[in-house]
Amino acid sequence: MVNRVVVGAHYGLGSWLAQRITAVIMAIYTVILLFVFMSRRPVDYGAWRALFGYGWMRVATLLFAVSLGWHAWVGMRDIFMDYVKHDGLRLALEVITIVAIASYLGWAVQILWR
């Protein structure tokens, strides 16, 4: 009988899909922003305020921020699982990363809907 040693959580396909989907969402948002920048000259505070006055732009920006946070979490989690061998240190780094990403997302919501 062969005893299998289970290493990690075997995220595999889910992590791969999360990285690809969030990357596509961020790329689409970037193209939209580039289009807005190219079509409006000059870009000043008034233009930014008018652009983010639209609800669809706030929602798109929030979707971008959530995608960026998820993308960063999956990447950092994989780096920690691959290179940090001490369990306590890895857990501490993961908790710090989660708290930081959640704080950034909360800050983004505050900026968008202030």
PDB file of N, CA and C in Angstrom:
ATOM      1  N   MET A   1       0.839  -1.172   0.000  1.00  0.00           N
ATOM      2  CA  MET A   1       0.000   0.000   0.000  1.00  0.00           C
ATOM      3  C   MET A   1       0.890   1.243   0.000  1.00  0.00           C
ATOM      4  N   VAL A   2       0.516   2.205  -0.809  1.00  0.00           N
ATOM      5  CA  VAL A   2       1.277   3.446  -0.939  1.00  0.00           C
ATOM      6  C   VAL A   2       0.592   4.524  -0.113  1.00  0.00           C
ATOM      7  N   ASN A   3       1.344   5.134   0.774  1.00  0.00           N
ATOM      8  CA  ASN A   3       0.824   6.257   1.558  1.00  0.00           C
ATOM      9  C   ASN A   3       1.132   7.543   0.819  1.00  0.00           C
ATOM     10  N   ARG A   4       0.088   8.265   0.488  1.00  0.00           N
ATOM     11  CA  ARG A   4       0.271   9.532  -0.225  1.00  0.00           C
ATOM     12  C   ARG A   4       0.415  10.654   0.781  1.00  0.00           C
ATOM     13  N   VAL A   5       1.349  11.532   0.507  1.00  0.00           N
ATOM     14  CA  VAL A   5       1.546  12.708   1.337  1.00  0.00           C
ATOM     15  C   VAL A   5       0.860  13.870   0.639  1.00  0.00           C
ATOM     16  N   VAL A   6      -0.110  14.448   1.309  1.00  0.00           N
ATOM     17  CA  VAL A   6      -0.851  15.564   0.725  1.00  0.00           C
ATOM     18  C   VAL A   6      -0.113  16.851   1.070  1.00  0.00           C
ATOM     19  N   VAL A   7       0.267  17.587   0.045  1.00  0.00           N
ATOM     20  CA  VAL A   7       0.993  18.830   0.227  1.00  0.00           C
ATOM     21  C   VAL A   7       0.154  19.955  -0.350  1.00  0.00           C
ATOM     22  N   GLY A   8      -0.048  20.996   0.422  1.00  0.00           N
ATOM     23  CA  GLY A   8      -0.826  22.138  -0.060  1.00  0.00           C
ATOM     24  C   GLY A   8      -2.303  21.804  -0.098  1.00  0.00           C
ATOM     25  N   ALA A   9      -3.062  22.677  -0.719  1.00  0.00           N
ATOM     26  CA  ALA A   9      -4.503  22.488  -0.757  1.00  0.00           C
ATOM     27  C   ALA A   9      -4.993  22.093  -2.138  1.00  0.00           C
ATOM     28  N   HIS A  10      -4.099  21.941  -3.083  1.00  0.00           N
ATOM     29  CA  HIS A  10      -4.442  21.520  -4.444  1.00  0.00           C
ATOM     30  C   HIS A  10      -5.476  22.447  -5.076  1.00  0.00           C
ATOM     31  N   TYR A  11      -5.161  23.716  -5.131  1.00  0.00           N
ATOM     32  CA  TYR A  11      -6.074  24.680  -5.726  1.00  0.00           C
ATOM     33  C   TYR A  11      -6.109  24.532  -7.241  1.00  0.00           C
ATOM     34  N   GLY A  12      -4.986  24.290  -7.850  1.00  0.00           N
ATOM     35  CA  GLY A  12      -4.861  23.950  -9.257  1.00  0.00           C
ATOM     36  C   GLY A  12      -5.697  24.750 -10.226  1.00  0.00           C
ATOM     37  N   LEU A  13      -6.717  24.100 -10.779  1.00  0.00           N
ATOM     38  CA  LEU A  13      -7.531  24.692 -11.836  1.00  0.00           C
ATOM     39  C   LEU A  13      -8.255  25.949 -11.357  1.00  0.00           C
ATOM     40  N   GLY A  14      -8.740  25.935 -10.141  1.00  0.00           N
ATOM     41  CA  GLY A  14      -9.447  27.113  -9.622  1.00  0.00           C
ATOM     42  C   GLY A  14      -8.549  28.336  -9.571  1.00  0.00           C
ATOM     43  N   SER A  15      -7.323  28.162  -9.113  1.00  0.00           N
ATOM     44  CA  SER A  15      -6.372  29.274  -9.063  1.00  0.00           C
ATOM     45  C   SER A  15      -6.007  29.738 -10.464  1.00  0.00           C
ATOM     46  N   TRP A  16      -5.804  28.791 -11.347  1.00  0.00           N
ATOM     47  CA  TRP A  16      -5.446  29.126 -12.725  1.00  0.00           C
ATOM     48  C   TRP A  16      -6.562  29.935 -13.377  1.00  0.00           C
ATOM     49  N   LEU A  17      -7.803  29.474 -13.201  1.00  0.00           N
ATOM     50  CA  LEU A  17      -8.951  30.201 -13.771  1.00  0.00           C
ATOM     51  C   LEU A  17      -9.118  31.574 -13.137  1.00  0.00           C
ATOM     52  N   ALA A  18      -8.948  31.669 -11.822  1.00  0.00           N
ATOM     53  CA  ALA A  18      -9.071  32.958 -11.135  1.00  0.00           C
ATOM     54  C   ALA A  18      -8.066  33.957 -11.685  1.00  0.00           C
ATOM     55  N   GLN A  19      -6.829  33.525 -11.879  1.00  0.00           N
ATOM     56  CA  GLN A  19      -5.803  34.420 -12.421  1.00  0.00           C
ATOM     57  C   GLN A  19      -6.173  34.888 -13.815  1.00  0.00           C
ATOM     58  N   ARG A  20      -6.655  33.988 -14.648  1.00  0.00           N
ATOM     59  CA  ARG A  20      -6.980  34.355 -16.041  1.00  0.00           C
ATOM     60  C   ARG A  20      -8.203  35.258 -16.114  1.00  0.00           C
ATOM     61  N   ILE A  21      -9.237  34.932 -15.359  1.00  0.00           N
ATOM     62  CA  ILE A  21     -10.469  35.732 -15.404  1.00  0.00           C
ATOM     63  C   ILE A  21     -10.224  37.136 -14.851  1.00  0.00           C
ATOM     64  N   THR A  22      -9.536  37.236 -13.727  1.00  0.00           N
ATOM     65  CA  THR A  22      -9.268  38.560 -13.174  1.00  0.00           C
ATOM     66  C   THR A  22      -8.342  39.361 -14.092  1.00  0.00           C
ATOM     67  N   ALA A  23      -7.407  38.695 -14.750  1.00  0.00           N
ATOM     68  CA  ALA A  23      -6.531  39.401 -15.688  1.00  0.00           C
ATOM     69  C   ALA A  23      -7.326  39.952 -16.869  1.00  0.00           C
ATOM     70  N   VAL A  24      -8.290  39.192 -17.364  1.00  0.00           N
ATOM     71  CA  VAL A  24      -9.125  39.666 -18.474  1.00  0.00           C
ATOM     72  C   VAL A  24      -9.963  40.857 -18.043  1.00  0.00           C
ATOM     73  N   ILE A  25     -10.549  40.791 -16.851  1.00  0.00           N
ATOM     74  CA  ILE A  25     -11.354  41.911 -16.336  1.00  0.00           C
ATOM     75  C   ILE A  25     -10.491  43.168 -16.222  1.00  0.00           C
ATOM     76  N   MET A  26      -9.283  43.020 -15.676  1.00  0.00           N
ATOM     77  CA  MET A  26      -8.396  44.182 -15.529  1.00  0.00           C
ATOM     78  C   MET A  26      -7.949  44.719 -16.884  1.00  0.00           C
ATOM     79  N   ALA A  27      -7.737  43.845 -17.861  1.00  0.00           N
ATOM     80  CA  ALA A  27      -7.335  44.286 -19.199  1.00  0.00           C
ATOM     81  C   ALA A  27      -8.469  45.065 -19.875  1.00  0.00           C
ATOM     82  N   ILE A  28      -9.700  44.579 -19.742  1.00  0.00           N
ATOM     83  CA  ILE A  28     -10.846  45.282 -20.329  1.00  0.00           C
ATOM     84  C   ILE A  28     -11.005  46.659 -19.698  1.00  0.00           C
ATOM     85  N   TYR A  29     -10.880  46.748 -18.380  1.00  0.00           N
ATOM     86  CA  TYR A  29     -10.976  48.038 -17.697  1.00  0.00           C
ATOM     87  C   TYR A  29      -9.875  48.986 -18.177  1.00  0.00           C
ATOM     88  N   THR A  30      -8.666  48.456 -18.348  1.00  0.00           N
ATOM     89  CA  THR A  30      -7.552  49.278 -18.819  1.00  0.00           C
ATOM     90  C   THR A  30      -7.818  49.815 -20.216  1.00  0.00           C
ATOM     91  N   VAL A  31      -8.367  48.987 -21.086  1.00  0.00           N
ATOM     92  CA  VAL A  31      -8.700  49.441 -22.442  1.00  0.00           C
ATOM     93  C   VAL A  31      -9.761  50.532 -22.394  1.00  0.00           C
ATOM     94  N   ILE A  32     -10.770  50.360 -21.539  1.00  0.00           N
ATOM     95  CA  ILE A  32     -11.811  51.383 -21.395  1.00  0.00           C
ATOM     96  C   ILE A  32     -11.197  52.693 -20.919  1.00  0.00           C
ATOM     97  N   LEU A  33     -10.320  52.626 -19.921  1.00  0.00           N
ATOM     98  CA  LEU A  33      -9.678  53.838 -19.415  1.00  0.00           C
ATOM     99  C   LEU A  33      -8.802  54.491 -20.483  1.00  0.00           C
ATOM    100  N   LEU A  34      -8.064  53.691 -21.238  1.00  0.00           N
ATOM    101  CA  LEU A  34      -7.248  54.242 -22.324  1.00  0.00           C
ATOM    102  C   LEU A  34      -8.119  54.942 -23.363  1.00  0.00           C
ATOM    103  N   PHE A  35      -9.250  54.333 -23.692  1.00  0.00           N
ATOM    104  CA  PHE A  35     -10.173  54.950 -24.646  1.00  0.00           C
ATOM    105  C   PHE A  35     -10.677  56.285 -24.110  1.00  0.00           C
ATOM    106  N   VAL A  36     -11.023  56.332 -22.828  1.00  0.00           N
ATOM    107  CA  VAL A  36     -11.511  57.577 -22.220  1.00  0.00           C
ATOM    108  C   VAL A  36     -10.417  58.638 -22.251  1.00  0.00           C
ATOM    109  N   PHE A  37      -9.184  58.251 -21.923  1.00  0.00           N
ATOM    110  CA  PHE A  37      -8.073  59.209 -21.926  1.00  0.00           C
ATOM    111  C   PHE A  37      -7.780  59.724 -23.330  1.00  0.00           C
ATOM    112  N   MET A  38      -7.878  58.868 -24.321  1.00  0.00           N
ATOM    113  CA  MET A  38      -7.581  59.282 -25.694  1.00  0.00           C
ATOM    114  C   MET A  38      -8.679  60.164 -26.276  1.00  0.00           C
ATOM    115  N   SER A  39      -9.914  59.965 -25.815  1.00  0.00           N
ATOM    116  CA  SER A  39     -11.018  60.728 -26.389  1.00  0.00           C
ATOM    117  C   SER A  39     -11.247  62.068 -25.696  1.00  0.00           C
ATOM    118  N   ARG A  40     -10.736  62.232 -24.489  1.00  0.00           N
ATOM    119  CA  ARG A  40     -10.942  63.480 -23.747  1.00  0.00           C
ATOM    120  C   ARG A  40      -9.601  64.140 -23.480  1.00  0.00           C
ATOM    121  N   ARG A  41      -9.453  65.350 -23.962  1.00  0.00           N
ATOM    122  CA  ARG A  41      -8.244  66.128 -23.685  1.00  0.00           C
ATOM    123  C   ARG A  41      -8.659  67.463 -23.113  1.00  0.00           C
ATOM    124  N   PRO A  42      -8.006  68.068 -22.222  1.00  0.00           N
ATOM    125  CA  PRO A  42      -7.043  67.490 -21.291  1.00  0.00           C
ATOM    126  C   PRO A  42      -7.773  66.789 -20.162  1.00  0.00           C
ATOM    127  N   VAL A  43      -7.073  65.908 -19.477  1.00  0.00           N
ATOM    128  CA  VAL A  43      -7.645  65.203 -18.338  1.00  0.00           C
ATOM    129  C   VAL A  43      -7.244  65.964 -17.078  1.00  0.00           C
ATOM    130  N   ASP A  44      -8.220  66.619 -16.481  1.00  0.00           N
ATOM    131  CA  ASP A  44      -7.973  67.369 -15.257  1.00  0.00           C
ATOM    132  C   ASP A  44      -8.944  66.890 -14.176  1.00  0.00           C
ATOM    133  N   TYR A  45      -8.957  67.574 -13.064  1.00  0.00           N
ATOM    134  CA  TYR A  45      -9.801  67.157 -11.953  1.00  0.00           C
ATOM    135  C   TYR A  45     -11.282  67.148 -12.339  1.00  0.00           C
ATOM    136  N   GLY A  46     -11.714  68.151 -13.084  1.00  0.00           N
ATOM    137  CA  GLY A  46     -13.112  68.217 -13.501  1.00  0.00           C
ATOM    138  C   GLY A  46     -13.507  67.033 -14.373  1.00  0.00           C
ATOM    139  N   ALA A  47     -12.597  66.629 -15.266  1.00  0.00           N
ATOM    140  CA  ALA A  47     -12.872  65.480 -16.134  1.00  0.00           C
ATOM    141  C   ALA A  47     -12.941  64.188 -15.317  1.00  0.00           C
ATOM    142  N   TRP A  48     -12.026  64.044 -14.348  1.00  0.00           N
ATOM    143  CA  TRP A  48     -12.054  62.860 -13.485  1.00  0.00           C
ATOM    144  C   TRP A  48     -13.349  62.811 -12.686  1.00  0.00           C
ATOM    145  N   ARG A  49     -13.736  63.960 -12.137  1.00  0.00           N
ATOM    146  CA  ARG A  49     -14.956  64.010 -11.325  1.00  0.00           C
ATOM    147  C   ARG A  49     -16.174  63.674 -12.175  1.00  0.00           C
ATOM    148  N   ALA A  50     -16.227  64.185 -13.395  1.00  0.00           N
ATOM    149  CA  ALA A  50     -17.353  63.890 -14.285  1.00  0.00           C
ATOM    150  C   ALA A  50     -17.361  62.406 -14.671  1.00  0.00           C
ATOM    151  N   LEU A  51     -16.181  61.863 -14.954  1.00  0.00           N
ATOM    152  CA  LEU A  51     -16.094  60.457 -15.347  1.00  0.00           C
ATOM    153  C   LEU A  51     -16.575  59.534 -14.231  1.00  0.00           C
ATOM    154  N   PHE A  52     -16.142  59.801 -13.009  1.00  0.00           N
ATOM    155  CA  PHE A  52     -16.538  58.940 -11.898  1.00  0.00           C
ATOM    156  C   PHE A  52     -17.885  59.345 -11.303  1.00  0.00           C
ATOM    157  N   GLY A  53     -18.531  60.315 -11.893  1.00  0.00           N
ATOM    158  CA  GLY A  53     -19.892  60.660 -11.514  1.00  0.00           C
ATOM    159  C   GLY A  53     -20.896  59.658 -12.065  1.00  0.00           C
ATOM    160  N   TYR A  54     -20.496  58.943 -13.111  1.00  0.00           N
ATOM    161  CA  TYR A  54     -21.352  57.917 -13.698  1.00  0.00           C
ATOM    162  C   TYR A  54     -21.305  56.654 -12.842  1.00  0.00           C
ATOM    163  N   GLY A  55     -22.480  56.086 -12.588  1.00  0.00           N
ATOM    164  CA  GLY A  55     -22.544  54.873 -11.777  1.00  0.00           C
ATOM    165  C   GLY A  55     -21.827  53.697 -12.407  1.00  0.00           C
ATOM    166  N   TRP A  56     -21.905  53.575 -13.740  1.00  0.00           N
ATOM    167  CA  TRP A  56     -21.269  52.438 -14.410  1.00  0.00           C
ATOM    168  C   TRP A  56     -19.753  52.478 -14.250  1.00  0.00           C
ATOM    169  N   MET A  57     -19.190  53.700 -14.206  1.00  0.00           N
ATOM    170  CA  MET A  57     -17.731  53.810 -14.054  1.00  0.00           C
ATOM    171  C   MET A  57     -17.308  53.442 -12.637  1.00  0.00           C
ATOM    172  N   ARG A  58     -18.111  53.811 -11.662  1.00  0.00           N
ATOM    173  CA  ARG A  58     -17.803  53.423 -10.282  1.00  0.00           C
ATOM    174  C   ARG A  58     -17.867  51.909 -10.117  1.00  0.00           C
ATOM    175  N   VAL A  59     -18.913  51.306 -10.690  1.00  0.00           N
ATOM    176  CA  VAL A  59     -19.055  49.844 -10.599  1.00  0.00           C
ATOM    177  C   VAL A  59     -17.905  49.160 -11.332  1.00  0.00           C
ATOM    178  N   ALA A  60     -17.540  49.670 -12.518  1.00  0.00           N
ATOM    179  CA  ALA A  60     -16.419  49.081 -13.266  1.00  0.00           C
ATOM    180  C   ALA A  60     -15.114  49.213 -12.488  1.00  0.00           C
ATOM    181  N   THR A  61     -14.921  50.353 -11.835  1.00  0.00           N
ATOM    182  CA  THR A  61     -13.712  50.551 -11.043  1.00  0.00           C
ATOM    183  C   THR A  61     -13.703  49.638  -9.826  1.00  0.00           C
ATOM    184  N   LEU A  62     -14.843  49.462  -9.194  1.00  0.00           N
ATOM    185  CA  LEU A  62     -14.921  48.541  -8.065  1.00  0.00           C
ATOM    186  C   LEU A  62     -14.665  47.106  -8.519  1.00  0.00           C
ATOM    187  N   LEU A  63     -15.212  46.710  -9.668  1.00  0.00           N
ATOM    188  CA  LEU A  63     -14.948  45.385 -10.218  1.00  0.00           C
ATOM    189  C   LEU A  63     -13.464  45.210 -10.514  1.00  0.00           C
ATOM    190  N   PHE A  64     -12.834  46.268 -11.027  1.00  0.00           N
ATOM    191  CA  PHE A  64     -11.389  46.231 -11.263  1.00  0.00           C
ATOM    192  C   PHE A  64     -10.634  46.049  -9.954  1.00  0.00           C
ATOM    193  N   ALA A  65     -11.025  46.804  -8.915  1.00  0.00           N
ATOM    194  CA  ALA A  65     -10.331  46.724  -7.628  1.00  0.00           C
ATOM    195  C   ALA A  65     -10.494  45.339  -6.996  1.00  0.00           C
ATOM    196  N   VAL A  66     -11.693  44.776  -7.071  1.00  0.00           N
ATOM    197  CA  VAL A  66     -11.920  43.430  -6.533  1.00  0.00           C
ATOM    198  C   VAL A  66     -11.108  42.408  -7.321  1.00  0.00           C
ATOM    199  N   SER A  67     -11.090  42.555  -8.637  1.00  0.00           N
ATOM    200  CA  SER A  67     -10.297  41.646  -9.478  1.00  0.00           C
ATOM    201  C   SER A  67      -8.814  41.758  -9.149  1.00  0.00           C
ATOM    202  N   LEU A  68      -8.340  42.979  -8.969  1.00  0.00           N
ATOM    203  CA  LEU A  68      -6.938  43.183  -8.613  1.00  0.00           C
ATOM    204  C   LEU A  68      -6.621  42.549  -7.261  1.00  0.00           C
ATOM    205  N   GLY A  69      -7.521  42.727  -6.287  1.00  0.00           N
ATOM    206  CA  GLY A  69      -7.315  42.122  -4.980  1.00  0.00           C
ATOM    207  C   GLY A  69      -7.293  40.604  -5.039  1.00  0.00           C
ATOM    208  N   TRP A  70      -8.227  40.032  -5.778  1.00  0.00           N
ATOM    209  CA  TRP A  70      -8.281  38.572  -5.899  1.00  0.00           C
ATOM    210  C   TRP A  70      -7.047  38.042  -6.626  1.00  0.00           C
ATOM    211  N   HIS A  71      -6.668  38.735  -7.692  1.00  0.00           N
ATOM    212  CA  HIS A  71      -5.492  38.368  -8.475  1.00  0.00           C
ATOM    213  C   HIS A  71      -4.237  38.406  -7.587  1.00  0.00           C
ATOM    214  N   ALA A  72      -4.118  39.458  -6.808  1.00  0.00           N
ATOM    215  CA  ALA A  72      -2.968  39.593  -5.909  1.00  0.00           C
ATOM    216  C   ALA A  72      -2.982  38.509  -4.838  1.00  0.00           C
ATOM    217  N   TRP A  73      -4.162  38.210  -4.292  1.00  0.00           N
ATOM    218  CA  TRP A  73      -4.249  37.184  -3.252  1.00  0.00           C
ATOM    219  C   TRP A  73      -3.810  35.817  -3.788  1.00  0.00           C
ATOM    220  N   VAL A  74      -4.326  35.438  -4.949  1.00  0.00           N
ATOM    221  CA  VAL A  74      -3.971  34.129  -5.502  1.00  0.00           C
ATOM    222  C   VAL A  74      -2.471  34.062  -5.773  1.00  0.00           C
ATOM    223  N   GLY A  75      -1.921  35.120  -6.323  1.00  0.00           N
ATOM    224  CA  GLY A  75      -0.487  35.136  -6.611  1.00  0.00           C
ATOM    225  C   GLY A  75       0.357  35.068  -5.361  1.00  0.00           C
ATOM    226  N   MET A  76       0.017  35.868  -4.365  1.00  0.00           N
ATOM    227  CA  MET A  76       0.796  35.870  -3.123  1.00  0.00           C
ATOM    228  C   MET A  76       0.639  34.548  -2.366  1.00  0.00           C
ATOM    229  N   ARG A  77      -0.574  34.017  -2.359  1.00  0.00           N
ATOM    230  CA  ARG A  77      -0.794  32.740  -1.675  1.00  0.00           C
ATOM    231  C   ARG A  77       0.061  31.640  -2.316  1.00  0.00           C
ATOM    232  N   ASP A  78       0.110  31.617  -3.632  1.00  0.00           N
ATOM    233  CA  ASP A  78       0.923  30.612  -4.318  1.00  0.00           C
ATOM    234  C   ASP A  78       2.409  30.801  -4.038  1.00  0.00           C
ATOM    235  N   ILE A  79       2.853  32.048  -3.992  1.00  0.00           N
ATOM    236  CA  ILE A  79       4.254  32.322  -3.667  1.00  0.00           C
ATOM    237  C   ILE A  79       4.565  31.852  -2.242  1.00  0.00           C
ATOM    238  N   PHE A  80       3.674  32.171  -1.301  1.00  0.00           N
ATOM    239  CA  PHE A  80       3.893  31.744   0.078  1.00  0.00           C
ATOM    240  C   PHE A  80       3.915  30.220   0.189  1.00  0.00           C
ATOM    241  N   MET A  81       2.983  29.546  -0.494  1.00  0.00           N
ATOM    242  CA  MET A  81       2.936  28.082  -0.418  1.00  0.00           C
ATOM    243  C   MET A  81       4.179  27.452  -1.037  1.00  0.00           C
ATOM    244  N   ASP A  82       4.726  28.071  -2.065  1.00  0.00           N
ATOM    245  CA  ASP A  82       5.890  27.500  -2.737  1.00  0.00           C
ATOM    246  C   ASP A  82       7.198  27.762  -1.997  1.00  0.00           C
ATOM    247  N   TYR A  83       7.349  28.953  -1.409  1.00  0.00           N
ATOM    248  CA  TYR A  83       8.662  29.357  -0.918  1.00  0.00           C
ATOM    249  C   TYR A  83       8.791  29.516   0.593  1.00  0.00           C
ATOM    250  N   VAL A  84       7.678  29.631   1.316  1.00  0.00           N
ATOM    251  CA  VAL A  84       7.761  29.784   2.773  1.00  0.00           C
ATOM    252  C   VAL A  84       7.401  28.431   3.391  1.00  0.00           C
ATOM    253  N   LYS A  85       8.395  27.755   3.918  1.00  0.00           N
ATOM    254  CA  LYS A  85       8.200  26.388   4.415  1.00  0.00           C
ATOM    255  C   LYS A  85       7.711  26.333   5.865  1.00  0.00           C
ATOM    256  N   HIS A  86       8.042  27.328   6.660  1.00  0.00           N
ATOM    257  CA  HIS A  86       7.618  27.343   8.057  1.00  0.00           C
ATOM    258  C   HIS A  86       6.131  27.700   8.114  1.00  0.00           C
ATOM    259  N   ASP A  87       5.322  26.790   8.703  1.00  0.00           N
ATOM    260  CA  ASP A  87       3.863  26.966   8.696  1.00  0.00           C
ATOM    261  C   ASP A  87       3.403  28.239   9.409  1.00  0.00           C
ATOM    262  N   GLY A  88       3.998  28.534  10.545  1.00  0.00           N
ATOM    263  CA  GLY A  88       3.603  29.720  11.307  1.00  0.00           C
ATOM    264  C   GLY A  88       3.900  31.009  10.566  1.00  0.00           C
ATOM    265  N   LEU A  89       5.064  31.076   9.949  1.00  0.00           N
ATOM    266  CA  LEU A  89       5.431  32.256   9.172  1.00  0.00           C
ATOM    267  C   LEU A  89       4.529  32.413   7.957  1.00  0.00           C
ATOM    268  N   ARG A  90       4.253  31.278   7.287  1.00  0.00           N
ATOM    269  CA  ARG A  90       3.373  31.329   6.113  1.00  0.00           C
ATOM    270  C   ARG A  90       1.991  31.814   6.503  1.00  0.00           C
ATOM    271  N   LEU A  91       1.445  31.312   7.611  1.00  0.00           N
ATOM    272  CA  LEU A  91       0.127  31.752   8.076  1.00  0.00           C
ATOM    273  C   LEU A  91       0.138  33.236   8.406  1.00  0.00           C
ATOM    274  N   ALA A  92       1.179  33.701   9.081  1.00  0.00           N
ATOM    275  CA  ALA A  92       1.275  35.123   9.428  1.00  0.00           C
ATOM    276  C   ALA A  92       1.321  35.986   8.163  1.00  0.00           C
ATOM    277  N   LEU A  93       2.110  35.578   7.189  1.00  0.00           N
ATOM    278  CA  LEU A  93       2.199  36.344   5.933  1.00  0.00           C
ATOM    279  C   LEU A  93       0.872  36.339   5.185  1.00  0.00           C
ATOM    280  N   GLU A  94       0.167  35.211   5.199  1.00  0.00           N
ATOM    281  CA  GLU A  94      -1.136  35.153   4.528  1.00  0.00           C
ATOM    282  C   GLU A  94      -2.155  36.058   5.218  1.00  0.00           C
ATOM    283  N   VAL A  95      -2.149  36.061   6.540  1.00  0.00           N
ATOM    284  CA  VAL A  95      -3.084  36.928   7.282  1.00  0.00           C
ATOM    285  C   VAL A  95      -2.770  38.396   7.019  1.00  0.00           C
ATOM    286  N   ILE A  96      -1.500  38.755   7.039  1.00  0.00           N
ATOM    287  CA  ILE A  96      -1.109  40.147   6.748  1.00  0.00           C
ATOM    288  C   ILE A  96      -1.544  40.534   5.345  1.00  0.00           C
ATOM    289  N   THR A  97      -1.371  39.636   4.394  1.00  0.00           N
ATOM    290  CA  THR A  97      -1.766  39.908   3.011  1.00  0.00           C
ATOM    291  C   THR A  97      -3.271  40.092   2.902  1.00  0.00           C
ATOM    292  N   ILE A  98      -4.042  39.230   3.548  1.00  0.00           N
ATOM    293  CA  ILE A  98      -5.503  39.339   3.500  1.00  0.00           C
ATOM    294  C   ILE A  98      -5.962  40.653   4.119  1.00  0.00           C
ATOM    295  N   VAL A  99      -5.395  41.009   5.264  1.00  0.00           N
ATOM    296  CA  VAL A  99      -5.780  42.263   5.933  1.00  0.00           C
ATOM    297  C   VAL A  99      -5.435  43.461   5.050  1.00  0.00           C
ATOM    298  N   ALA A 100      -4.263  43.437   4.431  1.00  0.00           N
ATOM    299  CA  ALA A 100      -3.852  44.547   3.565  1.00  0.00           C
ATOM    300  C   ALA A 100      -4.784  44.664   2.360  1.00  0.00           C
ATOM    301  N   ILE A 101      -5.080  43.560   1.695  1.00  0.00           N
ATOM    302  CA  ILE A 101      -5.955  43.597   0.511  1.00  0.00           C
ATOM    303  C   ILE A 101      -7.361  44.046   0.904  1.00  0.00           C
ATOM    304  N   ALA A 102      -7.882  43.541   2.020  1.00  0.00           N
ATOM    305  CA  ALA A 102      -9.211  43.965   2.476  1.00  0.00           C
ATOM    306  C   ALA A 102      -9.223  45.455   2.800  1.00  0.00           C
ATOM    307  N   SER A 103      -8.147  45.954   3.397  1.00  0.00           N
ATOM    308  CA  SER A 103      -8.050  47.390   3.692  1.00  0.00           C
ATOM    309  C   SER A 103      -8.038  48.214   2.420  1.00  0.00           C
ATOM    310  N   TYR A 104      -7.287  47.761   1.431  1.00  0.00           N
ATOM    311  CA  TYR A 104      -7.228  48.491   0.164  1.00  0.00           C
ATOM    312  C   TYR A 104      -8.590  48.498  -0.529  1.00  0.00           C
ATOM    313  N   LEU A 105      -9.296  47.376  -0.477  1.00  0.00           N
ATOM    314  CA  LEU A 105     -10.623  47.328  -1.097  1.00  0.00           C
ATOM    315  C   LEU A 105     -11.610  48.227  -0.350  1.00  0.00           C
ATOM    316  N   GLY A 106     -11.527  48.238   0.960  1.00  0.00           N
ATOM    317  CA  GLY A 106     -12.375  49.145   1.737  1.00  0.00           C
ATOM    318  C   GLY A 106     -12.089  50.599   1.423  1.00  0.00           C
ATOM    319  N   TRP A 107     -10.816  50.902   1.266  1.00  0.00           N
ATOM    320  CA  TRP A 107     -10.412  52.261   0.912  1.00  0.00           C
ATOM    321  C   TRP A 107     -10.931  52.632  -0.474  1.00  0.00           C
ATOM    322  N   ALA A 108     -10.876  51.694  -1.412  1.00  0.00           N
ATOM    323  CA  ALA A 108     -11.387  51.946  -2.764  1.00  0.00           C
ATOM    324  C   ALA A 108     -12.888  52.235  -2.730  1.00  0.00           C
ATOM    325  N   VAL A 109     -13.632  51.475  -1.935  1.00  0.00           N
ATOM    326  CA  VAL A 109     -15.070  51.721  -1.809  1.00  0.00           C
ATOM    327  C   VAL A 109     -15.315  53.093  -1.212  1.00  0.00           C
ATOM    328  N   GLN A 110     -14.547  53.459  -0.209  1.00  0.00           N
ATOM    329  CA  GLN A 110     -14.707  54.771   0.419  1.00  0.00           C
ATOM    330  C   GLN A 110     -14.420  55.885  -0.600  1.00  0.00           C
ATOM    331  N   ILE A 111     -13.400  55.736  -1.404  1.00  0.00           N
ATOM    332  CA  ILE A 111     -13.076  56.747  -2.406  1.00  0.00           C
ATOM    333  C   ILE A 111     -14.163  56.846  -3.459  1.00  0.00           C
ATOM    334  N   LEU A 112     -14.675  55.712  -3.914  1.00  0.00           N
ATOM    335  CA  LEU A 112     -15.646  55.704  -4.995  1.00  0.00           C
ATOM    336  C   LEU A 112     -17.021  56.223  -4.571  1.00  0.00           C
ATOM    337  N   TRP A 113     -17.430  55.930  -3.336  1.00  0.00           N
ATOM    338  CA  TRP A 113     -18.767  56.320  -2.901  1.00  0.00           C
ATOM    339  C   TRP A 113     -18.765  57.310  -1.749  1.00  0.00           C
ATOM    340  N   ARG A 114     -17.796  58.175  -1.735  1.00  0.00           N
ATOM    341  CA  ARG A 114     -17.711  59.190  -0.697  1.00  0.00           C
ATOM    342  C   ARG A 114     -18.673  60.305  -0.981  1.00  0.00           C
TER     343      ARG A 114
END
